[in-house]
Amino acid sequence: MMQSTISSFPYLSLAIWLPVLFGVLILAIGRDERAGMTRWLALAGAVISLLATFPLVSNFDNAAHGMQFVESAPWIGRFNIFYSLGIDGLSLWFVPLTAFITVIVIISAWEVIQQRVAQYMGAFLILSGLMIGVFCAMDGLLFYFFFEATLIPMYIIIGIWGGDNRIYASFKFFLYTFFGSLLTLVAIIYLYNAAGGSFDILEWHTLPLTMKEQTFIFIAFLAAFAVKVPMFPVHTWLPDVHVEAPTGGSAVLAAIMLKLGAYGFLRFSLPITPDASHSMAPFIITLSLIAVIYIGLVALVQKDMKKLVAYSSIAHMGFVTLGFFMFNTMSLQGGIVQMISHGFVSGAMFLCIGVLYDQMHSRQIADYGGVVNRMPKFAAFFVLFSMANAGLPATSGFVGEFMVILGAVEYNFWIGMLAATALIFGAAYSLWMVKRVVFGEVANPHVAELVDLNRREFFMLAVLAIATLYMGLYPAPFTDTMQTSVADLLQHVSVSKLP
């Protein structure tokens, strides 16, 4: 794989550090008595950061091989560590997606967060920059720095603005994801030594490694990435964290942070350890099918809306890992498309639940019923996003899942058939929730007092609805950008690296 020339303009650095700088500025000057100014400054920072990602999409060359917009500068010269950035078709869309979700989250908190406004807004902006850094890092230690640093602002967000059991949830989130990453650091150091003292990820892609070495490295990376996705059976932290996290925290966690682990498989596990990836594929496919089917059944029996959507996220991310380990173009592209779609749909689902919770202060499905009678605009959005969550054609939720199923059938018919059952379960738990929450007669006096969406909430959900429908009706801009990079990745995976 050839690496493109160094970019003449630091587009990626701008995308990473602009939100971080705005976040630090807000933390420095923001005060609760100046909350209005803080909100507008945070929104300005988020929007400017989003605009800074647009040149990446408009100037991206779909046919080019290797990394684009490359930046490289010495960071810690003694250990040959570089501040090295670059993106390809595998990572391109996650940069604007992260910035976009950050704008939506800032808008969602406009009236809800009344205390420590600067800290809340600043934490999300800093988190946005760090997550973008994960998708852009081309130095192994730089990747690890960004990957671990994302834990800090999310830990603070859950621990301060979360629910009654927020301390437990924040500790569980941190411990699960941090301990999973320790083996990854060991693998990174091992690869550094094997490469003759280089942290260059692209150089690691060409390293000849024995099967024993590949298996160790694969398992080490799996320990971090499986927890972050999260894969069955290390998924138990996610529902607890979602229930306790504030609405914005749940939206970012589901829309972006889960993708960090899945992206790690694409950038590290598959190209660095292709032989071990093929050897471990049946194991990963089995775990993915369990997530798709079993977790879908678990979602069916949930009484809390947030828990239901949290379990559905695990099931949908099971599609992603399933697609990655069947090693064909359709399944790999489908997995990446599913990641992008899940960013829109899952974020929208949690924001919808947040709109209801802000008025009713309850997430229990039994406490609702007949919401459409009081909130027709909200009900329309909620039904749309629920249908997208179930994989309805013409929504983004359908495109990725359908591509993965097609790839699964190409790989093995019975695996494809089992994967297709997820569409049934997805429709079942989504329709079950919609029926009891939205439709029917007004269930109680509290529902009768609900007020429909204000302009801010309507705009927030409308933008997500447009994104969901656009991707469902016209996925070509998303799939076209990743074709060359997926082909390059498959070429890496198909060639043995055994010495």
Protein backbone atom coordinates (compact mmCIF):
# COMPACT_ATOMS: atom_id res chain seq x y z
CA MET A 1 0.00 0.00 0.00
CA MET A 2 1.54 3.29 -1.04
CA GLN A 3 1.42 6.28 1.24
CA SER A 4 0.42 9.56 -0.36
CA THR A 5 2.45 12.75 -0.06
CA ILE A 6 2.27 14.93 3.01
CA SER A 7 -0.64 17.37 2.96
CA SER A 8 0.18 21.02 2.30
CA PHE A 9 -2.49 22.10 4.78
CA PRO A 10 -3.09 20.52 8.22
CA TYR A 11 -6.75 19.61 7.70
CA LEU A 12 -6.64 16.72 10.17
CA SER A 13 -4.88 18.69 12.89
CA LEU A 14 -7.52 21.36 12.49
CA ALA A 15 -10.30 18.78 12.85
CA ILE A 16 -8.69 17.35 15.99
CA TRP A 17 -7.50 20.41 17.85
CA LEU A 18 -10.17 23.02 17.01
CA PRO A 19 -12.82 21.40 19.27
CA VAL A 20 -10.17 20.77 21.95
CA LEU A 21 -9.11 24.43 21.91
CA PHE A 22 -12.72 25.61 22.09
CA GLY A 23 -13.32 23.18 24.95
CA VAL A 24 -10.33 24.48 26.89
CA LEU A 25 -11.38 28.09 26.20
CA ILE A 26 -14.89 27.39 27.52
CA LEU A 27 -13.49 25.74 30.64
CA ALA A 28 -11.27 28.79 31.21
CA ILE A 29 -13.84 31.57 30.81
CA GLY A 30 -17.22 29.87 31.24
CA ARG A 31 -19.25 30.53 34.37
CA ASP A 32 -22.79 29.50 35.30
CA GLU A 33 -23.75 33.16 35.62
CA ARG A 34 -22.70 33.53 31.97
CA ALA A 35 -24.32 30.29 30.85
CA GLY A 36 -25.93 31.87 27.79
CA MET A 37 -22.60 33.06 26.42
CA THR A 38 -21.06 29.66 27.22
CA ARG A 39 -23.74 27.82 25.23
CA TRP A 40 -23.32 30.03 22.18
CA LEU A 41 -19.53 29.77 22.33
CA ALA A 42 -19.79 25.97 22.57
CA LEU A 43 -22.18 25.86 19.62
CA ALA A 44 -19.90 28.13 17.59
CA GLY A 45 -16.93 25.89 18.41
CA ALA A 46 -18.84 22.73 17.44
CA VAL A 47 -20.12 24.22 14.16
CA ILE A 48 -16.70 25.62 13.18
CA SER A 49 -15.14 22.25 13.96
CA LEU A 50 -17.74 20.53 11.77
CA LEU A 51 -17.09 22.95 8.91
CA ALA A 52 -13.36 22.22 9.23
CA THR A 53 -14.05 18.57 8.32
CA PHE A 54 -15.88 19.37 5.06
CA PRO A 55 -12.67 19.79 2.96
CA LEU A 56 -11.75 16.22 3.90
CA VAL A 57 -14.86 14.94 2.14
CA SER A 58 -14.81 17.35 -0.79
CA ASN A 59 -11.10 16.84 -1.53
CA PHE A 60 -10.99 13.10 -0.91
CA ASP A 61 -9.78 11.06 -3.91
CA ASN A 62 -11.90 7.89 -4.11
CA ALA A 63 -9.46 6.16 -6.45
CA ALA A 64 -6.26 6.88 -4.50
CA HIS A 65 -4.52 4.10 -2.60
CA GLY A 66 -3.03 4.58 0.84
CA MET A 67 -3.51 7.45 3.26
CA GLN A 68 -4.58 10.96 2.31
CA PHE A 69 -4.16 14.36 4.03
CA VAL A 70 -1.02 12.92 5.67
CA GLU A 71 0.73 14.98 8.35
CA SER A 72 3.94 13.88 10.03
CA ALA A 73 6.25 15.57 12.53
CA PRO A 74 8.65 14.25 15.19
CA TRP A 75 7.00 13.98 18.60
CA ILE A 76 9.36 12.05 20.90
CA GLY A 77 12.46 11.68 18.78
CA ARG A 78 14.39 9.46 21.19
CA PHE A 79 11.86 6.65 20.73
CA ASN A 80 11.06 7.39 17.08
CA ILE A 81 7.52 8.46 17.96
CA PHE A 82 5.81 10.71 15.41
CA TYR A 83 2.80 12.96 15.40
CA SER A 84 1.55 11.16 12.30
CA LEU A 85 -1.96 11.59 10.90
CA GLY A 86 -3.79 10.35 7.82
CA ILE A 87 -7.16 9.01 6.69
CA ASP A 88 -8.38 6.65 4.00
CA GLY A 89 -11.76 5.32 2.95
CA LEU A 90 -12.02 3.26 6.12
CA SER A 91 -11.82 6.29 8.40
CA LEU A 92 -12.97 9.25 6.29
CA TRP A 93 -16.64 9.43 7.30
CA PHE A 94 -16.03 9.02 11.02
CA VAL A 95 -14.32 12.40 11.23
CA PRO A 96 -17.30 14.53 10.06
CA LEU A 97 -19.71 12.11 11.81
CA THR A 98 -17.99 12.81 15.15
CA ALA A 99 -18.07 16.56 14.61
CA PHE A 100 -21.71 16.39 13.47
CA ILE A 101 -22.88 14.42 16.51
CA THR A 102 -21.05 16.91 18.75
CA VAL A 103 -23.08 19.78 17.27
CA ILE A 104 -26.30 17.84 17.89
CA VAL A 105 -25.31 17.03 21.49
CA ILE A 106 -24.51 20.69 22.23
CA ILE A 107 -27.95 21.67 20.91
CA SER A 108 -29.65 18.89 22.90
CA ALA A 109 -28.21 20.21 26.18
CA TRP A 110 -29.18 23.84 25.53
CA GLU A 111 -31.95 24.05 28.14
CA VAL A 112 -31.46 20.78 29.99
CA ILE A 113 -28.06 21.44 31.57
CA GLN A 114 -28.37 24.32 34.02
CA GLN A 115 -25.40 23.72 36.32
CA ARG A 116 -21.72 23.44 35.37
CA VAL A 117 -22.68 24.36 31.81
CA ALA A 118 -19.12 25.27 30.80
CA GLN A 119 -17.72 21.99 32.13
CA TYR A 120 -20.39 19.97 30.32
CA MET A 121 -19.93 21.70 26.98
CA GLY A 122 -16.16 21.77 27.30
CA ALA A 123 -15.99 18.04 28.09
CA PHE A 124 -17.92 17.16 24.93
CA LEU A 125 -15.81 19.40 22.71
CA ILE A 126 -12.57 17.97 24.08
CA LEU A 127 -13.98 14.45 23.73
CA SER A 128 -14.86 15.20 20.09
CA GLY A 129 -11.30 16.16 19.24
CA LEU A 130 -9.85 13.11 20.99
CA MET A 131 -12.21 10.73 19.17
CA ILE A 132 -11.32 12.28 15.81
CA GLY A 133 -7.70 11.75 16.77
CA VAL A 134 -8.31 8.01 17.10
CA PHE A 135 -9.61 7.84 13.52
CA CYS A 136 -6.67 9.87 12.16
CA ALA A 137 -3.66 8.55 14.11
CA MET A 138 -1.10 6.66 12.01
CA ASP A 139 1.46 6.26 14.81
CA GLY A 140 0.73 3.35 17.17
CA LEU A 141 1.52 5.24 20.37
CA LEU A 142 -0.41 8.32 19.18
CA PHE A 143 -3.40 6.06 18.52
CA TYR A 144 -3.11 4.60 22.01
CA PHE A 145 -2.88 8.10 23.51
CA PHE A 146 -6.09 9.25 21.81
CA PHE A 147 -7.83 5.90 22.41
CA GLU A 148 -7.24 6.04 26.17
CA ALA A 149 -7.66 9.81 26.55
CA THR A 150 -11.28 9.56 25.37
CA LEU A 151 -12.07 7.75 28.64
CA ILE A 152 -11.37 10.82 30.77
CA PRO A 153 -14.03 13.28 29.53
CA MET A 154 -16.65 10.51 29.20
CA TYR A 155 -15.87 9.32 32.74
CA ILE A 156 -16.41 12.88 33.99
CA ILE A 157 -19.60 13.34 31.95
CA ILE A 158 -21.16 10.18 33.40
CA GLY A 159 -19.87 10.77 36.93
CA ILE A 160 -21.10 14.36 37.25
CA TRP A 161 -24.23 14.65 35.09
CA GLY A 162 -25.42 11.05 35.22
CA GLY A 163 -28.28 9.45 37.16
CA ASP A 164 -28.52 8.36 40.78
CA ASN A 165 -26.15 5.42 40.27
CA ARG A 166 -23.69 7.42 38.19
CA ILE A 167 -20.57 6.75 40.29
CA TYR A 168 -20.98 2.99 39.91
CA ALA A 169 -21.62 3.34 36.18
CA SER A 170 -18.66 5.65 35.57
CA PHE A 171 -16.26 3.35 37.46
CA LYS A 172 -17.59 0.32 35.58
CA PHE A 173 -17.16 2.11 32.26
CA PHE A 174 -13.61 3.17 33.08
CA LEU A 175 -12.42 -0.13 34.55
CA TYR A 176 -13.83 -2.31 31.76
CA THR A 177 -12.43 -0.20 28.94
CA PHE A 178 -9.11 0.65 30.61
CA PHE A 179 -8.17 -2.87 31.69
CA GLY A 180 -9.07 -4.17 28.25
CA SER A 181 -6.54 -1.77 26.76
CA LEU A 182 -3.53 -2.81 28.85
CA LEU A 183 -2.81 -5.85 26.66
CA THR A 184 -3.06 -3.59 23.64
CA LEU A 185 -0.21 -1.47 24.97
CA VAL A 186 1.88 -4.62 25.37
CA ALA A 187 1.10 -5.58 21.74
CA ILE A 188 2.02 -2.07 20.53
CA ILE A 189 5.39 -2.24 22.31
CA TYR A 190 6.00 -5.73 20.88
CA LEU A 191 5.26 -4.47 17.35
CA TYR A 192 7.55 -1.49 17.96
CA ASN A 193 10.44 -3.81 18.72
CA ALA A 194 9.56 -6.20 15.88
CA ALA A 195 9.61 -3.27 13.42
CA GLY A 196 13.09 -2.24 14.52
CA GLY A 197 11.95 0.66 16.66
CA SER A 198 9.04 2.09 14.69
CA PHE A 199 5.50 2.93 15.73
CA ASP A 200 4.41 3.47 12.10
CA ILE A 201 1.13 1.55 11.71
CA LEU A 202 1.57 1.21 7.94
CA GLU A 203 4.97 -0.37 8.52
CA TRP A 204 3.37 -2.81 10.97
CA HIS A 205 1.02 -3.88 8.15
CA THR A 206 4.00 -5.35 6.27
CA LEU A 207 5.76 -7.08 9.19
CA PRO A 208 6.34 -10.83 8.79
CA LEU A 209 5.07 -12.49 11.99
CA THR A 210 4.88 -16.10 13.06
CA MET A 211 1.49 -17.66 13.80
CA LYS A 212 2.30 -17.60 17.53
CA GLU A 213 3.15 -13.90 17.36
CA GLN A 214 0.05 -13.10 15.32
CA THR A 215 -2.22 -14.99 17.71
CA PHE A 216 -0.82 -13.17 20.74
CA ILE A 217 -1.13 -9.78 19.04
CA PHE A 218 -4.66 -10.54 17.79
CA ILE A 219 -5.82 -11.55 21.29
CA ALA A 220 -4.16 -8.49 22.82
CA PHE A 221 -5.97 -6.15 20.44
CA LEU A 222 -9.19 -8.15 20.85
CA ALA A 223 -9.10 -7.50 24.60
CA ALA A 224 -9.47 -3.75 24.01
CA PHE A 225 -11.56 -3.64 20.87
CA ALA A 226 -14.10 -6.29 21.94
CA VAL A 227 -14.82 -4.40 25.18
CA LYS A 228 -15.18 -1.10 23.36
CA VAL A 229 -17.55 -2.42 20.63
CA PRO A 230 -18.81 -4.12 22.95
CA MET A 231 -18.92 -7.77 21.87
CA PHE A 232 -20.62 -10.59 23.73
CA PRO A 233 -19.76 -11.55 26.52
CA VAL A 234 -17.91 -8.36 27.56
CA HIS A 235 -20.96 -6.20 26.84
CA THR A 236 -22.43 -6.01 30.34
CA TRP A 237 -21.01 -2.57 31.11
CA LEU A 238 -22.88 -0.83 28.29
CA PRO A 239 -26.54 -1.04 29.46
CA ASP A 240 -25.63 0.16 32.96
CA VAL A 241 -23.62 3.07 31.60
CA HIS A 242 -26.34 4.08 29.13
CA VAL A 243 -29.02 4.10 31.83
CA GLU A 244 -26.98 6.36 34.11
CA ALA A 245 -25.35 8.61 31.51
CA PRO A 246 -26.96 11.95 30.59
CA THR A 247 -28.70 12.08 27.24
CA GLY A 248 -25.73 13.64 25.45
CA GLY A 249 -23.37 11.08 26.96
CA SER A 250 -25.53 8.19 25.75
CA ALA A 251 -25.78 9.71 22.27
CA VAL A 252 -22.00 10.15 21.89
CA LEU A 253 -21.24 6.79 23.47
CA ALA A 254 -23.54 4.92 21.08
CA ALA A 255 -22.93 7.05 17.99
CA ILE A 256 -19.13 7.35 18.13
CA MET A 257 -17.31 5.70 21.04
CA LEU A 258 -18.46 2.17 20.24
CA LYS A 259 -17.03 2.67 16.75
CA LEU A 260 -13.51 3.16 18.13
CA GLY A 261 -13.26 -0.53 18.92
CA ALA A 262 -14.71 -1.64 15.58
CA TYR A 263 -12.34 0.72 13.76
CA GLY A 264 -9.44 -0.88 15.66
CA PHE A 265 -10.21 -4.20 14.00
CA LEU A 266 -9.90 -2.55 10.58
CA ARG A 267 -6.70 -0.65 11.29
CA PHE A 268 -4.85 -3.18 13.47
CA SER A 269 -6.22 -6.72 13.81
CA LEU A 270 -7.02 -7.55 10.17
CA PRO A 271 -4.00 -6.05 8.33
CA ILE A 272 -1.34 -6.76 10.99
CA THR A 273 -2.42 -10.32 11.85
CA PRO A 274 -4.15 -11.71 8.73
CA ASP A 275 -3.34 -15.37 9.43
CA ALA A 276 -4.56 -15.15 13.02
CA SER A 277 -7.64 -13.24 11.82
CA HIS A 278 -8.56 -16.10 9.48
CA SER A 279 -7.84 -18.63 12.24
CA MET A 280 -9.96 -16.75 14.80
CA ALA A 281 -12.74 -15.80 12.35
CA PRO A 282 -15.09 -18.69 13.32
CA PHE A 283 -14.80 -17.64 16.98
CA ILE A 284 -15.52 -13.96 16.21
CA ILE A 285 -18.39 -14.87 13.86
CA THR A 286 -19.92 -17.06 16.59
CA LEU A 287 -19.71 -14.26 19.16
CA SER A 288 -21.18 -11.83 16.62
CA LEU A 289 -24.13 -14.12 15.86
CA ILE A 290 -24.79 -14.53 19.59
CA ALA A 291 -24.84 -10.74 19.90
CA VAL A 292 -27.15 -10.42 16.91
CA ILE A 293 -29.64 -13.09 18.05
CA TYR A 294 -29.37 -13.51 21.83
CA ILE A 295 -28.95 -9.82 22.65
CA GLY A 296 -31.88 -9.08 20.33
CA LEU A 297 -33.99 -11.40 22.48
CA VAL A 298 -32.71 -9.70 25.64
CA ALA A 299 -33.79 -6.34 24.21
CA LEU A 300 -37.33 -7.71 23.80
CA VAL A 301 -37.85 -8.07 27.55
CA GLN A 302 -36.51 -4.69 28.66
CA LYS A 303 -38.80 -2.34 30.58
CA ASP A 304 -36.51 0.69 30.42
CA MET A 305 -36.35 2.45 27.04
CA LYS A 306 -32.68 3.30 27.39
CA LYS A 307 -31.78 -0.28 28.25
CA LEU A 308 -33.75 -1.52 25.27
CA VAL A 309 -31.89 0.79 22.88
CA ALA A 310 -28.58 -0.04 24.60
CA TYR A 311 -29.09 -3.76 23.98
CA SER A 312 -30.17 -3.04 20.41
CA SER A 313 -26.86 -1.19 19.94
CA ILE A 314 -24.97 -4.30 21.00
CA ALA A 315 -26.98 -6.35 18.49
CA HIS A 316 -26.34 -3.85 15.69
CA MET A 317 -22.61 -3.71 16.45
CA GLY A 318 -22.66 -7.50 16.23
CA PHE A 319 -23.47 -6.99 12.55
CA VAL A 320 -20.35 -4.86 12.23
CA THR A 321 -17.93 -7.45 13.63
CA LEU A 322 -19.75 -10.18 11.68
CA GLY A 323 -19.17 -8.27 8.45
CA PHE A 324 -15.48 -7.67 9.17
CA PHE A 325 -14.57 -11.32 9.66
CA MET A 326 -16.13 -12.81 6.55
CA PHE A 327 -13.42 -11.25 4.39
CA ASN A 328 -15.39 -10.20 1.32
CA THR A 329 -15.99 -6.78 -0.16
CA MET A 330 -19.74 -6.70 0.46
CA SER A 331 -19.54 -7.70 4.11
CA LEU A 332 -16.67 -5.32 4.92
CA GLN A 333 -18.36 -2.37 3.25
CA GLY A 334 -21.63 -3.32 4.94
CA GLY A 335 -19.94 -3.32 8.34
CA ILE A 336 -18.52 0.17 7.80
CA VAL A 337 -21.84 1.48 6.45
CA GLN A 338 -23.56 -0.03 9.48
CA MET A 339 -21.16 1.85 11.76
CA ILE A 340 -22.01 5.17 10.10
CA SER A 341 -25.75 4.46 10.07
CA HIS A 342 -25.70 3.39 13.70
CA GLY A 343 -24.12 6.74 14.50
CA PHE A 344 -27.17 8.54 13.13
CA VAL A 345 -29.89 6.17 14.32
CA SER A 346 -28.70 5.21 17.80
CA GLY A 347 -27.82 8.83 18.59
CA ALA A 348 -31.30 9.89 17.47
CA MET A 349 -32.97 7.15 19.55
CA PHE A 350 -31.23 8.25 22.74
CA LEU A 351 -32.00 11.91 22.03
CA CYS A 352 -35.70 11.03 21.54
CA ILE A 353 -35.74 9.21 24.87
CA GLY A 354 -34.05 12.24 26.40
CA VAL A 355 -36.83 14.53 25.10
CA LEU A 356 -39.42 12.37 26.87
CA TYR A 357 -37.33 12.05 30.04
CA ASP A 358 -36.88 15.83 30.31
CA GLN A 359 -40.66 16.19 30.66
CA MET A 360 -41.69 12.95 32.42
CA HIS A 361 -38.50 12.07 34.35
CA SER A 362 -39.14 8.43 33.59
CA ARG A 363 -37.72 5.99 31.07
CA GLN A 364 -40.06 3.14 31.99
CA ILE A 365 -42.11 2.01 29.00
CA ALA A 366 -45.08 1.25 31.29
CA ASP A 367 -45.30 4.92 32.31
CA TYR A 368 -46.10 6.01 28.76
CA GLY A 369 -48.80 5.33 26.19
CA GLY A 370 -50.69 7.57 23.77
CA VAL A 371 -47.80 10.03 23.36
CA VAL A 372 -48.89 10.65 19.75
CA ASN A 373 -52.04 12.36 21.05
CA ARG A 374 -49.97 15.02 22.79
CA MET A 375 -46.74 15.06 20.73
CA PRO A 376 -47.53 14.28 17.07
CA LYS A 377 -44.30 15.81 15.72
CA PHE A 378 -42.20 13.91 18.22
CA ALA A 379 -44.12 10.71 17.50
CA ALA A 380 -43.36 10.99 13.78
CA PHE A 381 -39.62 11.26 14.44
CA PHE A 382 -39.67 8.52 17.06
CA VAL A 383 -41.44 6.09 14.74
CA LEU A 384 -39.04 6.93 11.88
CA PHE A 385 -35.94 6.31 13.98
CA SER A 386 -37.43 3.14 15.46
CA MET A 387 -38.10 1.85 11.96
CA ALA A 388 -34.54 2.73 10.94
CA ASN A 389 -33.35 0.89 14.04
CA ALA A 390 -35.32 -2.15 12.81
CA GLY A 391 -33.71 -1.91 9.36
CA LEU A 392 -36.64 -0.60 7.33
CA PRO A 393 -35.79 -0.18 3.61
CA ALA A 394 -35.16 3.43 2.53
CA THR A 395 -33.51 4.16 5.88
CA SER A 396 -29.80 3.98 6.62
CA GLY A 397 -30.39 1.08 9.02
CA PHE A 398 -31.33 -1.17 6.13
CA VAL A 399 -28.32 -0.52 3.89
CA GLY A 400 -25.54 -1.76 6.17
CA GLU A 401 -27.44 -4.75 7.53
CA PHE A 402 -28.53 -5.84 4.04
CA MET A 403 -24.95 -5.60 2.74
CA VAL A 404 -23.65 -7.66 5.66
CA ILE A 405 -26.35 -10.29 5.09
CA LEU A 406 -25.44 -10.45 1.38
CA GLY A 407 -21.79 -10.86 2.32
CA ALA A 408 -22.72 -13.50 4.89
CA VAL A 409 -24.67 -15.51 2.31
CA GLU A 410 -21.65 -15.32 0.01
CA TYR A 411 -19.48 -16.61 2.89
CA ASN A 412 -21.89 -19.24 4.20
CA PHE A 413 -25.63 -19.51 3.55
CA TRP A 414 -26.53 -20.61 7.08
CA ILE A 415 -24.59 -17.77 8.68
CA GLY A 416 -26.47 -15.38 6.38
CA MET A 417 -29.77 -16.91 7.40
CA LEU A 418 -28.98 -16.61 11.10
CA ALA A 419 -27.86 -13.01 10.62
CA ALA A 420 -31.12 -12.20 8.82
CA THR A 421 -33.09 -13.19 11.94
CA ALA A 422 -31.78 -10.01 13.53
CA LEU A 423 -34.08 -8.02 11.23
CA ILE A 424 -37.03 -9.91 12.76
CA PHE A 425 -35.87 -9.31 16.32
CA GLY A 426 -35.06 -5.68 15.53
CA ALA A 427 -38.56 -5.12 14.21
CA ALA A 428 -40.02 -6.94 17.22
CA TYR A 429 -38.39 -4.91 19.99
CA SER A 430 -38.65 -1.62 18.09
CA LEU A 431 -42.36 -2.08 17.31
CA TRP A 432 -43.00 -3.34 20.84
CA MET A 433 -41.60 -0.12 22.28
CA VAL A 434 -43.35 2.14 19.74
CA LYS A 435 -46.71 0.46 20.30
CA ARG A 436 -46.61 0.93 24.08
CA VAL A 437 -45.02 4.37 24.19
CA VAL A 438 -46.48 6.20 21.20
CA PHE A 439 -49.83 4.69 20.24
CA GLY A 440 -53.11 4.00 22.01
CA GLU A 441 -55.05 6.20 24.38
CA VAL A 442 -53.37 8.63 26.77
CA ALA A 443 -52.27 6.33 29.56
CA ASN A 444 -52.06 8.69 32.56
CA PRO A 445 -52.27 12.34 33.60
CA HIS A 446 -48.53 12.84 33.20
CA VAL A 447 -48.69 11.88 29.51
CA ALA A 448 -51.65 14.26 29.12
CA GLU A 449 -49.37 17.11 30.23
CA LEU A 450 -46.65 16.46 27.64
CA VAL A 451 -45.76 19.28 25.26
CA ASP A 452 -44.63 18.69 21.68
CA LEU A 453 -41.18 19.51 20.34
CA ASN A 454 -39.93 23.07 20.54
CA ARG A 455 -37.99 24.56 17.63
CA ARG A 456 -34.61 23.50 19.02
CA GLU A 457 -35.68 19.88 19.52
CA PHE A 458 -37.44 19.78 16.15
CA PHE A 459 -34.34 21.05 14.35
CA MET A 460 -32.10 18.56 16.16
CA LEU A 461 -34.24 15.54 15.24
CA ALA A 462 -35.03 16.83 11.74
CA VAL A 463 -31.33 17.01 10.84
CA LEU A 464 -30.81 13.44 12.06
CA ALA A 465 -33.91 12.31 10.14
CA ILE A 466 -32.59 13.86 6.93
CA ALA A 467 -29.23 12.12 7.41
CA THR A 468 -30.96 8.78 8.09
CA LEU A 469 -33.16 9.02 5.00
CA TYR A 470 -30.44 10.40 2.73
CA MET A 471 -28.10 7.55 3.54
CA GLY A 472 -30.92 5.04 3.12
CA LEU A 473 -32.00 6.38 -0.27
CA TYR A 474 -28.59 7.31 -1.67
CA PRO A 475 -25.74 5.40 0.01
CA ALA A 476 -23.37 5.76 -2.97
CA PRO A 477 -21.37 8.75 -1.57
CA PHE A 478 -20.56 6.64 1.48
CA THR A 479 -19.78 3.36 -0.27
CA ASP A 480 -17.83 4.92 -3.16
CA THR A 481 -15.25 6.49 -0.84
CA MET A 482 -14.41 3.20 0.86
CA GLN A 483 -14.14 0.85 -2.15
CA THR A 484 -10.41 1.33 -2.82
CA SER A 485 -9.45 1.14 0.85
CA VAL A 486 -11.58 -1.98 1.40
CA ALA A 487 -9.88 -3.60 -1.62
CA ASP A 488 -6.46 -2.70 -0.17
CA LEU A 489 -7.46 -4.14 3.21
CA LEU A 490 -8.70 -7.37 1.64
CA GLN A 491 -5.42 -7.65 -0.23
CA HIS A 492 -3.55 -7.42 3.09
CA VAL A 493 -5.81 -10.00 4.72
CA SER A 494 -5.53 -12.43 1.81
CA VAL A 495 -1.71 -12.56 1.88
CA SER A 496 -0.03 -14.67 4.54
CA LYS A 497 2.55 -12.87 6.69
CA LEU A 498 4.14 -16.02 8.03
CA PRO A 499 7.95 -15.81 7.62
